[in-house]
C-alpha atoms as a PDB file:
ATOM      1  CA  MET A   1     145.415 101.868 124.095  1.00  0.00           C
ATOM      2  CA  LYS A   2     145.466 101.051 120.366  1.00  0.00           C
ATOM      3  CA  LYS A   3     143.052  98.125 120.873  1.00  0.00           C
ATOM      4  CA  PHE A   4     140.745 100.370 122.912  1.00  0.00           C
ATOM      5  CA  ILE A   5     140.673 103.001 120.168  1.00  0.00           C
ATOM      6  CA  GLN A   6     139.967 100.337 117.534  1.00  0.00           C
ATOM      7  CA  PHE A   7     137.133  98.898 119.637  1.00  0.00           C
ATOM      8  CA  GLY A   8     135.622 102.362 120.124  1.00  0.00           C
ATOM      9  CA  PHE A   9     135.816 103.002 116.388  1.00  0.00           C
ATOM     10  CA  VAL A  10     133.940  99.754 115.650  1.00  0.00           C
ATOM     11  CA  GLN A  11     131.301 100.662 118.224  1.00  0.00           C
ATOM     12  CA  ALA A  12     130.837 104.071 116.615  1.00  0.00           C
ATOM     13  CA  ILE A  13     130.359 102.508 113.178  1.00  0.00           C
ATOM     14  CA  PHE A  14     127.795 100.035 114.543  1.00  0.00           C
ATOM     15  CA  LEU A  15     125.892 102.811 116.329  1.00  0.00           C
ATOM     16  CA  GLY A  16     125.795 104.776 113.084  1.00  0.00           C
ATOM     17  CA  LEU A  17     124.321 101.779 111.261  1.00  0.00           C
ATOM     18  CA  VAL A  18     121.687 101.337 113.941  1.00  0.00           C
ATOM     19  CA  LEU A  19     120.624 104.971 113.747  1.00  0.00           C
ATOM     20  CA  ARG A  20     120.647 105.134 109.970  1.00  0.00           C
ATOM     21  CA  PHE A  21     119.366 101.731 108.876  1.00  0.00           C
ATOM     22  CA  GLY A  22     117.799 100.128 111.944  1.00  0.00           C
ATOM     23  CA  VAL A  23     120.422  97.346 112.008  1.00  0.00           C
ATOM     24  CA  SER A  24     120.478  95.440 115.274  1.00  0.00           C
ATOM     25  CA  ALA A  25     121.630  92.108 116.617  1.00  0.00           C
ATOM     26  CA  ASP A  26     119.019  92.253 119.370  1.00  0.00           C
ATOM     27  CA  LYS A  27     115.348  92.660 118.467  1.00  0.00           C
ATOM     28  CA  ASP A  28     114.560  93.995 121.948  1.00  0.00           C
ATOM     29  CA  SER A  29     117.012  96.890 121.614  1.00  0.00           C
ATOM     30  CA  ILE A  30     114.939  98.788 119.028  1.00  0.00           C
ATOM     31  CA  ASP A  31     111.493 100.087 119.858  1.00  0.00           C
ATOM     32  CA  PHE A  32     108.494 101.221 117.847  1.00  0.00           C
ATOM     33  CA  ASP A  33     105.141 102.638 118.825  1.00  0.00           C
ATOM     34  CA  GLU A  34     103.017 102.151 115.736  1.00  0.00           C
ATOM     35  CA  LEU A  35     102.419  99.736 112.896  1.00  0.00           C
ATOM     36  CA  LYS A  36     101.680 101.101 109.450  1.00  0.00           C
ATOM     37  CA  PHE A  37      99.471  98.696 107.533  1.00  0.00           C
ATOM     38  CA  THR A  38      99.847  99.827 103.941  1.00  0.00           C
ATOM     39  CA  GLN A  39      97.628  98.932 100.997  1.00  0.00           C
ATOM     40  CA  LEU A  40      98.158  99.811  97.335  1.00  0.00           C
ATOM     41  CA  TRP A  41      95.509 100.402  94.671  1.00  0.00           C
ATOM     42  CA  GLY A  42      96.052  97.977  91.771  1.00  0.00           C
ATOM     43  CA  TYR A  43      95.600 100.261  88.770  1.00  0.00           C
ATOM     44  CA  THR A  44      97.808 103.039  90.144  1.00  0.00           C
ATOM     45  CA  SER A  45     100.390 100.572  91.367  1.00  0.00           C
ATOM     46  CA  CYS A  46     100.635  99.105  87.857  1.00  0.00           C
ATOM     47  CA  LEU A  47     100.721 102.590  86.339  1.00  0.00           C
ATOM     48  CA  GLN A  48     103.652 103.595  88.556  1.00  0.00           C
ATOM     49  CA  PHE A  49     105.487 100.320  87.953  1.00  0.00           C
ATOM     50  CA  LYS A  50     105.172 100.487  84.163  1.00  0.00           C
ATOM     51  CA  GLN A  51     106.403 104.070  84.127  1.00  0.00           C
ATOM     52  CA  GLU A  52     109.378 103.024  86.250  1.00  0.00           C
ATOM     53  CA  VAL A  53     110.344 100.142  83.917  1.00  0.00           C
ATOM     54  CA  HIS A  54     109.545 102.205  80.790  1.00  0.00           C
ATOM     55  CA  ASP A  55     106.715  99.853  79.851  1.00  0.00           C
ATOM     56  CA  GLN A  56     109.152  96.970  79.298  1.00  0.00           C
ATOM     57  CA  VAL A  57     107.644  94.606  81.902  1.00  0.00           C
ATOM     58  CA  GLU A  58     104.003  93.728  82.481  1.00  0.00           C
ATOM     59  CA  CYS A  59     102.319  94.282  85.796  1.00  0.00           C
ATOM     60  CA  ARG A  60     101.332  90.900  87.244  1.00  0.00           C
ATOM     61  CA  TYR A  61      97.606  91.654  87.309  1.00  0.00           C
ATOM     62  CA  GLU A  62      97.396  94.041  84.395  1.00  0.00           C
ATOM     63  CA  ASP A  63      94.069  94.197  82.505  1.00  0.00           C
ATOM     64  CA  LYS A  64      92.139  92.673  85.412  1.00  0.00           C
ATOM     65  CA  PRO A  65      89.803  94.605  87.712  1.00  0.00           C
ATOM     66  CA  SER A  66      91.881  96.280  90.421  1.00  0.00           C
ATOM     67  CA  ILE A  67      91.927  95.471  94.107  1.00  0.00           C
ATOM     68  CA  TRP A  68      93.573  96.967  97.167  1.00  0.00           C
ATOM     69  CA  SER A  69      96.620  94.783  97.776  1.00  0.00           C
ATOM     70  CA  ILE A  70      98.900  94.601 100.801  1.00  0.00           C
ATOM     71  CA  HIS A  71     102.235  96.335 100.633  1.00  0.00           C
ATOM     72  CA  GLY A  72     103.327  95.592 104.162  1.00  0.00           C
ATOM     73  CA  ILE A  73     103.067  95.866 107.919  1.00  0.00           C
ATOM     74  CA  TRP A  74     105.767  98.325 108.968  1.00  0.00           C
ATOM     75  CA  PRO A  75     106.782  98.886 112.597  1.00  0.00           C
ATOM     76  CA  THR A  76     107.582 102.576 113.015  1.00  0.00           C
ATOM     77  CA  LEU A  77     108.810 104.861 115.769  1.00  0.00           C
ATOM     78  CA  SER A  78     106.921 108.143 115.542  1.00  0.00           C
ATOM     79  CA  GLY A  79     109.046 110.941 114.174  1.00  0.00           C
ATOM     80  CA  SER A  80     111.460 108.584 112.457  1.00  0.00           C
ATOM     81  CA  SER A  81     111.692 106.003 109.704  1.00  0.00           C
ATOM     82  CA  GLY A  82     111.979 102.407 110.802  1.00  0.00           C
ATOM     83  CA  PRO A  83     113.232 100.469 112.632  1.00  0.00           C
ATOM     84  CA  ASN A  84     114.170  97.902 109.990  1.00  0.00           C
ATOM     85  CA  PHE A  85     116.114  94.623 110.084  1.00  0.00           C
ATOM     86  CA  CYS A  86     115.735  94.368 113.870  1.00  0.00           C
ATOM     87  CA  THR A  87     117.065  90.854 114.231  1.00  0.00           C
ATOM     88  CA  LYS A  88     118.471  88.179 111.957  1.00  0.00           C
ATOM     89  CA  VAL A  89     115.722  86.104 110.344  1.00  0.00           C
ATOM     90  CA  THR A  90     115.543  83.955 107.248  1.00  0.00           C
ATOM     91  CA  PHE A  91     112.630  83.482 104.868  1.00  0.00           C
ATOM     92  CA  ASP A  92     111.181  79.981 104.596  1.00  0.00           C
ATOM     93  CA  GLU A  93     108.569  79.573 101.874  1.00  0.00           C
ATOM     94  CA  THR A  94     107.307  76.314 103.373  1.00  0.00           C
ATOM     95  CA  ALA A  95     106.175  78.245 106.467  1.00  0.00           C
ATOM     96  CA  ILE A  96     103.531  80.120 104.458  1.00  0.00           C
ATOM     97  CA  GLU A  97     102.442  77.357 102.072  1.00  0.00           C
ATOM     98  CA  PRO A  98      98.975  77.067 103.696  1.00  0.00           C
ATOM     99  CA  ILE A  99      98.205  80.704 102.780  1.00  0.00           C
ATOM    100  CA  GLU A 100     100.368  81.129  99.681  1.00  0.00           C
ATOM    101  CA  SER A 101      97.431  81.159  97.273  1.00  0.00           C
ATOM    102  CA  ASP A 102      95.854  84.042  99.231  1.00  0.00           C
ATOM    103  CA  LEU A 103      99.165  85.885  99.326  1.00  0.00           C
ATOM    104  CA  ASN A 104      99.426  85.587  95.548  1.00  0.00           C
ATOM    105  CA  LEU A 105      96.038  87.291  95.296  1.00  0.00           C
ATOM    106  CA  TYR A 106      96.279  89.940  97.993  1.00  0.00           C
ATOM    107  CA  TRP A 107      99.977  90.469  98.842  1.00  0.00           C
ATOM    108  CA  TYR A 108     101.553  90.075  95.447  1.00  0.00           C
ATOM    109  CA  GLU A 109     104.805  90.889  93.679  1.00  0.00           C
ATOM    110  CA  ILE A 110     103.877  93.415  91.016  1.00  0.00           C
ATOM    111  CA  SER A 111     106.451  92.429  88.388  1.00  0.00           C
ATOM    112  CA  SER A 112     105.315  89.565  86.180  1.00  0.00           C
ATOM    113  CA  LYS A 113     108.947  88.534  85.750  1.00  0.00           C
ATOM    114  CA  LYS A 114     109.853  88.171  89.428  1.00  0.00           C
ATOM    115  CA  ASP A 115     109.255  85.252  91.740  1.00  0.00           C
ATOM    116  CA  PRO A 116     106.645  86.371  94.333  1.00  0.00           C
ATOM    117  CA  THR A 117     108.809  84.971  97.113  1.00  0.00           C
ATOM    118  CA  GLU A 118     111.358  87.754  96.515  1.00  0.00           C
ATOM    119  CA  PHE A 119     108.846  90.343  97.720  1.00  0.00           C
ATOM    120  CA  TRP A 120     107.666  88.261 100.671  1.00  0.00           C
ATOM    121  CA  SER A 121     111.237  87.557 101.715  1.00  0.00           C
ATOM    122  CA  HIS A 122     112.043  91.281 101.596  1.00  0.00           C
ATOM    123  CA  GLU A 123     109.029  92.231 103.734  1.00  0.00           C
ATOM    124  CA  TRP A 124     109.712  89.526 106.328  1.00  0.00           C
ATOM    125  CA  ILE A 125     113.425  90.239 106.686  1.00  0.00           C
ATOM    126  CA  LYS A 126     113.118  94.049 106.680  1.00  0.00           C
ATOM    127  CA  HIS A 127     109.855  94.586 108.568  1.00  0.00           C
ATOM    128  CA  GLY A 128     108.775  91.232 109.973  1.00  0.00           C
ATOM    129  CA  SER A 129     112.058  90.992 111.877  1.00  0.00           C
ATOM    130  CA  CYS A 130     110.815  93.955 113.945  1.00  0.00           C
ATOM    131  CA  ALA A 131     107.098  93.108 114.050  1.00  0.00           C
ATOM    132  CA  LEU A 132     107.855  89.686 115.558  1.00  0.00           C
ATOM    133  CA  GLN A 133     108.310  91.449 118.906  1.00  0.00           C
ATOM    134  CA  LEU A 134     104.513  91.339 119.065  1.00  0.00           C
ATOM    135  CA  THR A 135     102.644  88.114 119.783  1.00  0.00           C
ATOM    136  CA  ASP A 136     100.359  88.646 116.776  1.00  0.00           C
ATOM    137  CA  PHE A 137     103.349  88.551 114.396  1.00  0.00           C
ATOM    138  CA  LYS A 138     105.887  86.417 116.271  1.00  0.00           C
ATOM    139  CA  THR A 139     106.459  83.954 113.408  1.00  0.00           C
ATOM    140  CA  GLU A 140     106.761  84.267 109.654  1.00  0.00           C
ATOM    141  CA  TYR A 141     103.404  82.548 109.214  1.00  0.00           C
ATOM    142  CA  LYS A 142     101.682  84.816 111.743  1.00  0.00           C
ATOM    143  CA  TYR A 143     103.164  87.941 110.134  1.00  0.00           C
ATOM    144  CA  PHE A 144     101.749  87.129 106.691  1.00  0.00           C
ATOM    145  CA  GLU A 145      98.511  85.696 108.040  1.00  0.00           C
ATOM    146  CA  GLY A 146      98.182  88.866 110.098  1.00  0.00           C
ATOM    147  CA  GLY A 147      98.424  90.956 106.951  1.00  0.00           C
ATOM    148  CA  LEU A 148      95.621  89.011 105.317  1.00  0.00           C
ATOM    149  CA  LEU A 149      93.465  89.379 108.426  1.00  0.00           C
ATOM    150  CA  LEU A 150      94.074  93.131 108.559  1.00  0.00           C
ATOM    151  CA  ARG A 151      93.143  93.464 104.893  1.00  0.00           C
ATOM    152  CA  ASN A 152      89.837  91.705 105.559  1.00  0.00           C
ATOM    153  CA  LYS A 153      89.218  93.858 108.608  1.00  0.00           C
ATOM    154  CA  PHE A 154      90.050  97.121 106.849  1.00  0.00           C
ATOM    155  CA  ASP A 155      88.466  96.479 103.475  1.00  0.00           C
ATOM    156  CA  LEU A 156      89.316  99.731 101.719  1.00  0.00           C
ATOM    157  CA  TYR A 157      87.308  98.998  98.592  1.00  0.00           C
ATOM    158  CA  SER A 158      84.121  98.602 100.648  1.00  0.00           C
ATOM    159  CA  ILE A 159      84.948 101.506 102.968  1.00  0.00           C
ATOM    160  CA  LEU A 160      85.398 103.877 100.056  1.00  0.00           C
ATOM    161  CA  LYS A 161      82.451 102.507  98.079  1.00  0.00           C
ATOM    162  CA  ASP A 162      80.103 102.846 101.045  1.00  0.00           C
ATOM    163  CA  GLY A 163      81.150 106.489 101.243  1.00  0.00           C
ATOM    164  CA  GLY A 164      80.484 107.130  97.559  1.00  0.00           C
ATOM    165  CA  ILE A 165      84.121 106.886  96.428  1.00  0.00           C
ATOM    166  CA  ILE A 166      84.184 104.330  93.618  1.00  0.00           C
ATOM    167  CA  PRO A 167      86.791 103.531  90.947  1.00  0.00           C
ATOM    168  CA  GLN A 168      86.256 105.370  87.677  1.00  0.00           C
ATOM    169  CA  VAL A 169      87.194 104.585  84.111  1.00  0.00           C
ATOM    170  CA  SER A 170      87.043 108.319  83.415  1.00  0.00           C
ATOM    171  CA  ALA A 171      89.404 110.925  84.866  1.00  0.00           C
ATOM    172  CA  GLU A 172      86.926 112.997  86.865  1.00  0.00           C
ATOM    173  CA  GLY A 173      88.488 112.452  90.273  1.00  0.00           C
ATOM    174  CA  TYR A 174      87.618 113.245  93.890  1.00  0.00           C
ATOM    175  CA  LYS A 175      88.638 115.881  96.390  1.00  0.00           C
ATOM    176  CA  LEU A 176      91.289 114.610  98.784  1.00  0.00           C
ATOM    177  CA  ALA A 177      89.268 115.892 101.746  1.00  0.00           C
ATOM    178  CA  ASP A 178      86.317 113.741 100.651  1.00  0.00           C
ATOM    179  CA  ILE A 179      88.437 110.586 100.402  1.00  0.00           C
ATOM    180  CA  LYS A 180      90.037 111.237 103.783  1.00  0.00           C
ATOM    181  CA  GLY A 181      86.653 112.029 105.297  1.00  0.00           C
ATOM    182  CA  VAL A 182      85.126 108.735 104.164  1.00  0.00           C
ATOM    183  CA  ILE A 183      88.017 106.739 105.652  1.00  0.00           C
ATOM    184  CA  LYS A 184      87.917 108.660 108.927  1.00  0.00           C
ATOM    185  CA  ALA A 185      84.141 108.212 109.202  1.00  0.00           C
ATOM    186  CA  ALA A 186      84.605 104.447 108.885  1.00  0.00           C
ATOM    187  CA  LEU A 187      87.677 104.024 111.090  1.00  0.00           C
ATOM    188  CA  GLY A 188      87.456 106.942 113.497  1.00  0.00           C
ATOM    189  CA  VAL A 189      91.093 107.917 112.887  1.00  0.00           C
ATOM    190  CA  ASP A 190      93.137 109.644 110.205  1.00  0.00           C
ATOM    191  CA  ALA A 191      94.849 107.457 107.628  1.00  0.00           C
ATOM    192  CA  TYR A 192      97.822 108.653 105.572  1.00  0.00           C
ATOM    193  CA  LEU A 193      97.301 108.795 101.801  1.00  0.00           C
ATOM    194  CA  GLN A 194      99.839 108.986  99.010  1.00  0.00           C
ATOM    195  CA  CYS A 195      99.447 109.570  95.307  1.00  0.00           C
ATOM    196  CA  TYR A 196     101.380 108.814  92.160  1.00  0.00           C
ATOM    197  CA  GLU A 197     102.093 111.954  90.159  1.00  0.00           C
ATOM    198  CA  LEU A 198     101.930 111.436  86.408  1.00  0.00           C
ATOM    199  CA  LYS A 199     102.728 114.234  83.984  1.00  0.00           C
ATOM    200  CA  VAL A 200     100.364 114.362  80.993  1.00  0.00           C
ATOM    201  CA  HIS A 201     101.484 116.923  78.411  1.00  0.00           C
ATOM    202  CA  GLY A 202     103.262 118.740  81.220  1.00  0.00           C
ATOM    203  CA  THR A 203     100.189 118.815  83.465  1.00  0.00           C
ATOM    204  CA  PRO A 204     100.304 116.751  86.673  1.00  0.00           C
ATOM    205  CA  GLU A 205      97.688 114.091  87.334  1.00  0.00           C
ATOM    206  CA  TYR A 206      97.433 112.671  90.847  1.00  0.00           C
ATOM    207  CA  HIS A 207      96.351 109.052  91.160  1.00  0.00           C
ATOM    208  CA  LEU A 208      95.447 107.532  94.525  1.00  0.00           C
ATOM    209  CA  LEU A 209      98.113 104.920  95.251  1.00  0.00           C
ATOM    210  CA  ALA A 210      98.569 104.091  98.919  1.00  0.00           C
ATOM    211  CA  VAL A 211      96.593 104.213 102.126  1.00  0.00           C
ATOM    212  CA  GLU A 212      98.373 103.632 105.415  1.00  0.00           C
ATOM    213  CA  ILE A 213      96.192 102.590 108.345  1.00  0.00           C
ATOM    214  CA  CYS A 214      98.015 102.866 111.659  1.00  0.00           C
ATOM    215  CA  LEU A 215      97.795 100.729 114.764  1.00  0.00           C
ATOM    216  CA  ASP A 216      99.428 100.797 118.171  1.00  0.00           C
ATOM    217  CA  ARG A 217     101.326  97.826 119.588  1.00  0.00           C
ATOM    218  CA  SER A 218      98.029  96.332 120.806  1.00  0.00           C
ATOM    219  CA  LEU A 219      96.616  96.644 117.257  1.00  0.00           C
ATOM    220  CA  ASN A 220      94.235  99.425 118.218  1.00  0.00           C
ATOM    221  CA  LEU A 221      93.576 102.025 115.524  1.00  0.00           C
ATOM    222  CA  ILE A 222      95.435 105.320 115.887  1.00  0.00           C
ATOM    223  CA  SER A 223      95.890 108.350 113.632  1.00  0.00           C
ATOM    224  CA  CYS A 224      99.010 108.044 111.494  1.00  0.00           C
ATOM    225  CA  SER A 225     102.151 110.052 111.783  1.00  0.00           C
ATOM    226  CA  THR A 226     103.599 110.888 108.370  1.00  0.00           C
ATOM    227  CA  SER A 227     107.213 109.933 109.002  1.00  0.00           C
ATOM    228  CA  ARG A 228     107.182 106.794 106.878  1.00  0.00           C
ATOM    229  CA  HIS A 229     105.806 106.535 103.386  1.00  0.00           C
ATOM    230  CA  VAL A 230     105.834 104.337 100.309  1.00  0.00           C
ATOM    231  CA  GLU A 231     109.204 104.826  98.652  1.00  0.00           C
ATOM    232  CA  LEU A 232     108.466 104.466  94.947  1.00  0.00           C
ATOM    233  CA  THR A 233     109.398 106.615  91.970  1.00  0.00           C
ATOM    234  CA  GLY A 234     106.957 109.477  91.448  1.00  0.00           C
ATOM    235  CA  VAL A 235     105.133 108.914  94.738  1.00  0.00           C
ATOM    236  CA  THR A 236     104.164 112.040  96.635  1.00  0.00           C
ATOM    237  CA  ALA A 237     101.730 113.348  99.196  1.00  0.00           C
ATOM    238  CA  CYS A 238      98.294 113.801  97.650  1.00  0.00           C
ATOM    239  CA  PRO A 239      97.673 117.525  97.108  1.00  0.00           C
ATOM    240  CA  GLU A 240      95.215 119.291  99.368  1.00  0.00           C
ATOM    241  CA  GLY A 241      92.572 121.739  98.158  1.00  0.00           C
ATOM    242  CA  ASP A 242      90.359 121.854  95.079  1.00  0.00           C
ATOM    243  CA  LYS A 243      92.973 122.684  92.462  1.00  0.00           C
ATOM    244  CA  HIS A 244      93.873 119.054  91.807  1.00  0.00           C
ATOM    245  CA  LEU A 245      91.324 116.252  92.018  1.00  0.00           C
ATOM    246  CA  ILE A 246      92.571 112.819  93.008  1.00  0.00           C
ATOM    247  CA  GLN A 247      91.963 110.137  90.423  1.00  0.00           C
ATOM    248  CA  TYR A 248      90.785 106.821  91.808  1.00  0.00           C
ATOM    249  CA  SER A 249      90.863 105.049  88.481  1.00  0.00           C
ATOM    250  CA  ASP A 250      90.441 101.533  87.224  1.00  0.00           C
ATOM    251  CA  LYS A 251      90.706 101.723  83.476  1.00  0.00           C
ATOM    252  CA  TYR A 252      91.242  97.948  83.501  1.00  0.00           C
ATOM    253  CA  LEU A 253      87.493  97.676  84.105  1.00  0.00           C
ATOM    254  CA  LYS A 254      86.938  98.166  80.391  1.00  0.00           C
ATOM    255  CA  TYR A 255      88.836  94.921  79.732  1.00  0.00           C
ATOM    256  CA  ALA A 256      86.899  92.896  82.267  1.00  0.00           C
ATOM    257  CA  LYS A 257      84.223  90.340  81.562  1.00  0.00           C
ATOM    258  CA  THR A 258      80.910  90.812  83.315  1.00  0.00           C
ATOM    259  CA  ASP A 259      81.347  87.720  85.474  1.00  0.00           C
ATOM    260  CA  GLU A 260      84.659  89.059  86.821  1.00  0.00           C
ATOM    261  CA  LEU A 261      83.081  92.110  88.465  1.00  0.00           C
END
């Protein structure tokens, strides 16, 4: 009886870990119904990072014209967060050597002091271990190559520019509804946007930070649920209405040489 009680206690602990953290020894035991392909805007991402580290560490691509970079491909079950860490995998840098130069440009570690492989390893072990259920992402190489392909397919800079939403050195800003409308017109579905809230003399400024584009398991576009979001300090839902305009800034443009643009 004592052994049975002990076994049941261990099972209960394991079940709690599965529900809370997405831990699983079997990748087929945890399901998801959407993939959130998340991109971050360079200037805002650097702004948030430097605030978080109290300006003690440089952003990796500071003072260069901003781009939309990849944050990750996150399998998600609607109405929940995760799953994560679906099966045991290890990160092997040699597996992505053929595309490492592109990853350094478009799927980069933001801290200038960290090895980029730390970020890639984190994304593969936490999210890739679940995404590998799908043929398109079944290996480490295919997961990261898939991210680069999705970024090319959903070129946010061009989508926004074609709709009249362009980065500004000034702080004029755009209505959230206009930004969302441009993305929906291009994709046919609703994306999920997040902002970084910066207090300036006690007044909040909202800077466009993240855009999540959602796909089903067959990589067809779908409208996003809002259950998962970028978990960074100061990150919040972009405010609706006309009271607060959303800044889509690139003040690094003023440092750029003409041939870099």
